[in-house]
Amino acid sequence: MKNREDYTEANRTMWNETAAVHQTTYVDDLLKRIKAPDYCTFDTVEQRLFEQIGLSGKAVVQPSCNNSRELIAVKKAGAARCLGLDISDAFITQGKQLAQAAEVDIELVRANLYDIKHEYDNQFDLAYVTVGALGWLPDLPSYMTLLSRMLKPHGKLFIYEMHPAMIMFETESGSTVVNDYFQRTAYREENDADYMNPDAKIESPSYWFQHTLGDILGQCIDHGLNINHFEEYRHDISNVGAHLEQSEHCPPLCFSLIAQKN
């Protein structure tokens, strides 16, 4: 049985390999487009909820920021200080290339989230958690402790994520339940197709963790984050569940949550 550090280090190796695939899949092209003043990654859900939250002048942190393409959109939408944290050396390097091309001033730090102590406590108006972040975390309670600490009093957590029910269904047609919604052991993946480029195989092993909706909502409550918005959707935001959108009986595929620190 691996410990938290072993899981995290294995996933760091996998993400460093993945970054090279994404560079040629879409980042080289994005570097040419990202300077545009109207560059934006928000879909209609994010546009609506960011209007409610208000980004203008806000200090925003994005844990698991990948290559910062979403954080750059947040900055261009009017945010003030923007900090991105990610486990992958290669994605942070890629993010700095994108930020330079976009001509925006954001902070990008390569960090294991579980190693962060108190250097960012009470500094942010908003923590922004985007698609595909939570499932790579072996320890959800410690993660939520960090997010709560980083938020200022009355700061907000905004999560727009894959729905944990998606893990239950097989990936060909989505017609068969193949996984336990309540599984607590890690899923191990190796030689899997990349989610951005299905023709590319990511050889390094990685570990995915199932956090139920009850886990996520419960951790918000336990960490003094009052939930004031929650909604589920039938559209896929992950690049891995689009086939489920066409199912006769569509499961929830993603959700949005906003919670405010006491």
Protein backbone atom coordinates (compact mmCIF):
# COMPACT_ATOMS: atom_id res chain seq x y z
CA MET A 1 0.00 0.00 0.00
CA LYS A 2 1.48 3.31 -1.06
CA ASN A 3 1.44 6.34 1.23
CA ARG A 4 0.31 9.84 0.27
CA GLU A 5 3.79 10.96 -0.78
CA ASP A 6 4.30 7.92 -3.03
CA TYR A 7 0.99 8.47 -4.79
CA THR A 8 1.72 12.17 -5.26
CA GLU A 9 5.21 11.60 -6.64
CA ALA A 10 3.95 8.98 -9.09
CA ASN A 11 1.33 11.39 -10.35
CA ARG A 12 3.93 14.15 -10.68
CA THR A 13 5.98 11.90 -13.00
CA MET A 14 2.88 11.12 -15.05
CA TRP A 15 1.93 14.79 -15.39
CA ASN A 16 5.44 15.72 -16.49
CA GLU A 17 5.14 13.15 -19.26
CA THR A 18 1.68 14.41 -20.17
CA ALA A 19 2.88 18.01 -20.51
CA ALA A 20 5.08 17.10 -23.47
CA VAL A 21 2.10 15.51 -25.25
CA HIS A 22 -0.05 18.59 -24.64
CA GLN A 23 2.68 20.91 -25.91
CA THR A 24 2.37 19.53 -29.42
CA THR A 25 -1.34 18.67 -29.18
CA TYR A 26 -2.62 22.18 -28.50
CA VAL A 27 -0.22 24.41 -26.55
CA ASP A 28 1.98 25.36 -29.52
CA ASP A 29 -1.15 26.67 -31.23
CA LEU A 30 -2.47 28.29 -28.04
CA LEU A 31 0.74 30.30 -27.68
CA LYS A 32 -0.24 32.10 -30.90
CA ARG A 33 -3.81 32.87 -29.76
CA ILE A 34 -3.58 33.55 -26.06
CA LYS A 35 -2.47 37.19 -26.40
CA ALA A 36 -5.92 38.18 -27.69
CA PRO A 37 -7.75 40.49 -25.24
CA ASP A 38 -10.89 38.34 -25.52
CA TYR A 39 -9.08 35.05 -24.79
CA CYS A 40 -11.33 33.04 -22.46
CA THR A 41 -11.71 29.43 -21.34
CA PHE A 42 -15.04 29.88 -19.52
CA ASP A 43 -18.09 27.99 -20.71
CA THR A 44 -21.60 29.31 -20.10
CA VAL A 45 -21.74 27.88 -16.57
CA GLU A 46 -18.47 29.56 -15.56
CA GLN A 47 -19.43 32.82 -17.22
CA ARG A 48 -22.69 32.94 -15.27
CA LEU A 49 -21.12 32.01 -11.93
CA PHE A 50 -18.07 34.26 -12.29
CA GLU A 51 -20.48 37.14 -12.93
CA GLN A 52 -22.18 36.29 -9.63
CA ILE A 53 -18.88 35.95 -7.76
CA GLY A 54 -17.26 39.00 -9.35
CA LEU A 55 -13.63 38.71 -10.42
CA SER A 56 -12.71 42.38 -10.65
CA GLY A 57 -9.87 43.19 -8.26
CA LYS A 58 -10.06 39.79 -6.54
CA ALA A 59 -7.06 37.76 -5.39
CA VAL A 60 -7.47 34.26 -6.86
CA VAL A 61 -5.61 31.01 -6.21
CA GLN A 62 -5.94 27.97 -8.46
CA PRO A 63 -4.57 24.77 -6.91
CA SER A 64 -3.75 22.12 -9.52
CA CYS A 65 -3.54 24.83 -12.16
CA ASN A 66 -2.02 22.58 -14.86
CA ASN A 67 -0.51 24.97 -17.46
CA SER A 68 -2.46 28.00 -16.17
CA ARG A 69 -4.64 28.48 -19.25
CA GLU A 70 -7.75 28.90 -17.05
CA LEU A 71 -5.93 31.16 -14.59
CA ILE A 72 -4.84 33.39 -17.47
CA ALA A 73 -8.51 33.70 -18.45
CA VAL A 74 -9.34 34.65 -14.84
CA LYS A 75 -6.66 37.35 -14.94
CA LYS A 76 -7.92 38.69 -18.27
CA ALA A 77 -11.44 38.80 -16.79
CA GLY A 78 -10.30 41.37 -14.24
CA ALA A 79 -8.78 39.51 -11.29
CA ALA A 80 -5.90 41.16 -9.42
CA ARG A 81 -3.33 38.82 -7.88
CA CYS A 82 -3.46 35.34 -9.41
CA LEU A 83 -1.50 32.38 -7.99
CA GLY A 84 -1.34 28.97 -9.65
CA LEU A 85 0.01 25.91 -7.86
CA ASP A 86 0.77 22.57 -9.50
CA ILE A 87 2.73 19.40 -8.75
CA SER A 88 4.17 19.19 -12.29
CA ASP A 89 7.46 20.93 -13.07
CA ALA A 90 6.74 20.66 -16.79
CA PHE A 91 3.25 22.14 -16.61
CA ILE A 92 4.47 25.07 -14.51
CA THR A 93 7.15 25.73 -17.15
CA GLN A 94 4.49 25.50 -19.85
CA GLY A 95 2.26 27.85 -17.86
CA LYS A 96 5.01 30.46 -17.66
CA GLN A 97 5.38 30.27 -21.46
CA LEU A 98 1.64 30.83 -21.87
CA ALA A 99 1.57 33.70 -19.36
CA GLN A 100 4.45 35.41 -21.15
CA ALA A 101 2.70 34.98 -24.50
CA ALA A 102 -0.54 36.31 -22.99
CA GLU A 103 1.32 39.27 -21.48
CA VAL A 104 -0.25 38.80 -18.05
CA ASP A 105 1.34 38.92 -14.62
CA ILE A 106 0.48 35.78 -12.67
CA GLU A 107 2.45 33.78 -10.08
CA LEU A 108 3.12 30.12 -10.86
CA VAL A 109 4.69 27.85 -8.26
CA ARG A 110 5.65 24.19 -8.54
CA ALA A 111 4.45 22.68 -5.28
CA ASN A 112 3.14 19.55 -3.66
CA LEU A 113 -0.04 20.94 -2.12
CA TYR A 114 0.45 18.76 0.96
CA ASP A 115 3.82 20.40 1.65
CA ILE A 116 2.41 23.94 1.80
CA LYS A 117 2.41 25.27 5.35
CA HIS A 118 1.12 28.75 6.19
CA GLU A 119 2.81 30.96 3.59
CA TYR A 120 -0.48 31.65 1.77
CA ASP A 121 -2.88 31.83 4.72
CA ASN A 122 -5.74 34.39 4.54
CA GLN A 123 -4.56 35.89 1.26
CA PHE A 124 -7.22 35.04 -1.33
CA ASP A 125 -10.75 36.13 -2.10
CA LEU A 126 -11.37 33.10 -4.29
CA ALA A 127 -10.07 29.54 -4.65
CA TYR A 128 -10.88 28.19 -8.12
CA VAL A 129 -10.91 24.40 -8.56
CA THR A 130 -11.38 23.27 -12.13
CA VAL A 131 -12.09 20.05 -13.96
CA GLY A 132 -9.97 17.00 -13.20
CA ALA A 133 -8.34 18.32 -10.04
CA LEU A 134 -9.97 16.46 -7.15
CA GLY A 135 -9.52 12.90 -8.39
CA TRP A 136 -5.73 13.07 -8.20
CA LEU A 137 -5.77 13.91 -4.50
CA PRO A 138 -5.21 11.01 -2.09
CA ASP A 139 -6.11 13.11 0.97
CA LEU A 140 -9.20 15.29 0.51
CA PRO A 141 -9.46 16.52 4.14
CA SER A 142 -5.91 17.93 4.14
CA TYR A 143 -6.58 19.58 0.79
CA MET A 144 -9.71 21.27 2.09
CA THR A 145 -7.81 22.42 5.17
CA LEU A 146 -5.31 24.13 2.86
CA LEU A 147 -8.03 25.83 0.78
CA SER A 148 -9.82 27.08 3.89
CA ARG A 149 -6.57 28.48 5.28
CA MET A 150 -5.70 30.28 2.04
CA LEU A 151 -9.06 32.03 1.87
CA LYS A 152 -9.63 35.36 3.56
CA PRO A 153 -12.62 35.62 5.92
CA HIS A 154 -15.73 35.52 3.68
CA GLY A 155 -13.59 34.33 0.78
CA LYS A 156 -15.21 31.88 -1.64
CA LEU A 157 -14.43 28.43 -2.99
CA PHE A 158 -15.65 27.77 -6.54
CA ILE A 159 -15.52 24.17 -7.77
CA TYR A 160 -16.52 23.22 -11.33
CA GLU A 161 -15.69 19.56 -11.63
CA MET A 162 -16.41 16.16 -13.08
CA HIS A 163 -19.24 14.47 -11.21
CA PRO A 164 -18.00 11.52 -9.12
CA ALA A 165 -20.84 9.36 -10.52
CA MET A 166 -18.97 9.27 -13.86
CA ILE A 167 -16.48 6.75 -12.49
CA MET A 168 -19.21 4.11 -12.37
CA PHE A 169 -19.71 3.72 -16.12
CA GLU A 170 -17.61 1.95 -18.74
CA THR A 171 -16.04 4.23 -21.33
CA GLU A 172 -17.27 2.75 -24.61
CA SER A 173 -21.01 3.40 -24.51
CA GLY A 174 -21.64 4.21 -20.87
CA SER A 175 -24.38 1.59 -20.78
CA THR A 176 -22.81 -0.63 -18.13
CA VAL A 177 -21.89 0.06 -14.51
CA VAL A 178 -18.37 -1.27 -13.95
CA ASN A 179 -17.04 0.56 -10.87
CA ASP A 180 -18.19 1.04 -7.30
CA TYR A 181 -19.22 4.63 -6.53
CA PHE A 182 -17.95 4.15 -2.97
CA GLN A 183 -14.55 2.60 -3.82
CA ARG A 184 -11.87 3.72 -1.38
CA THR A 185 -8.77 2.12 -2.87
CA ALA A 186 -6.85 3.98 -5.58
CA TYR A 187 -7.41 3.27 -9.25
CA ARG A 188 -4.11 2.56 -10.99
CA GLU A 189 -3.75 3.58 -14.63
CA GLU A 190 -0.84 2.87 -16.97
CA ASN A 191 -0.30 3.13 -20.73
CA ASP A 192 -3.58 5.01 -20.98
CA ALA A 193 -4.68 7.25 -23.84
CA ASP A 194 -4.17 10.95 -23.11
CA TYR A 195 -7.40 12.85 -22.48
CA MET A 196 -6.43 15.61 -24.94
CA ASN A 197 -4.87 13.35 -27.57
CA PRO A 198 -6.34 9.82 -27.61
CA ASP A 199 -3.68 8.74 -30.12
CA ALA A 200 -0.93 9.34 -27.54
CA LYS A 201 -0.24 6.88 -24.74
CA ILE A 202 0.96 8.03 -21.32
CA GLU A 203 3.24 5.25 -20.15
CA SER A 204 3.86 6.35 -16.56
CA PRO A 205 1.54 4.84 -13.94
CA SER A 206 -0.83 7.18 -12.11
CA TYR A 207 -3.35 6.94 -9.30
CA TRP A 208 -6.91 8.24 -9.23
CA PHE A 209 -9.02 8.57 -6.08
CA GLN A 210 -12.79 8.44 -5.87
CA HIS A 211 -14.28 11.20 -3.73
CA THR A 212 -18.06 10.95 -3.51
CA LEU A 213 -20.32 13.96 -3.63
CA GLY A 214 -20.93 13.39 0.06
CA ASP A 215 -17.17 13.54 0.69
CA ILE A 216 -16.86 16.88 -1.13
CA LEU A 217 -19.90 18.53 0.42
CA GLY A 218 -19.05 17.13 3.84
CA GLN A 219 -15.51 18.49 3.72
CA CYS A 220 -16.83 21.96 2.88
CA ILE A 221 -19.10 21.79 5.92
CA ASP A 222 -16.36 20.41 8.17
CA HIS A 223 -13.99 23.24 7.18
CA GLY A 224 -16.35 26.12 7.81
CA LEU A 225 -17.29 26.69 4.17
CA ASN A 226 -20.98 27.53 3.87
CA ILE A 227 -22.44 26.16 0.64
CA ASN A 228 -24.56 28.79 -1.11
CA HIS A 229 -24.69 27.30 -4.60
CA PHE A 230 -24.77 23.74 -5.90
CA GLU A 231 -25.93 22.48 -9.29
CA GLU A 232 -25.52 19.29 -11.36
CA TYR A 233 -25.37 19.10 -15.16
CA ARG A 234 -25.73 16.58 -17.96
CA HIS A 235 -22.86 17.96 -20.08
CA ASP A 236 -19.27 16.68 -19.99
CA ILE A 237 -16.37 19.02 -19.22
CA SER A 238 -13.67 16.36 -18.94
CA ASN A 239 -13.01 15.13 -22.49
CA VAL A 240 -13.64 11.60 -21.21
CA GLY A 241 -17.41 11.42 -20.74
CA ALA A 242 -18.89 12.90 -23.90
CA HIS A 243 -20.36 9.51 -24.87
CA LEU A 244 -22.49 9.61 -21.72
CA GLU A 245 -24.21 12.82 -22.86
CA GLN A 246 -25.99 10.77 -25.53
CA SER A 247 -27.12 8.02 -23.15
CA GLU A 248 -30.84 7.39 -22.98
CA HIS A 249 -30.61 7.75 -19.20
CA CYS A 250 -27.91 10.37 -18.70
CA PRO A 251 -26.15 10.41 -15.33
CA PRO A 252 -24.89 13.70 -13.82
CA LEU A 253 -21.59 14.48 -15.58
CA CYS A 254 -20.38 17.59 -13.78
CA PHE A 255 -21.32 19.93 -10.98
CA SER A 256 -20.69 23.46 -9.74
CA LEU A 257 -20.33 24.48 -6.11
CA ILE A 258 -19.74 27.81 -4.40
CA ALA A 259 -19.04 27.96 -0.68
CA GLN A 260 -18.09 30.90 1.52
CA LYS A 261 -15.67 30.86 4.43
CA ASN A 262 -17.17 31.76 7.79
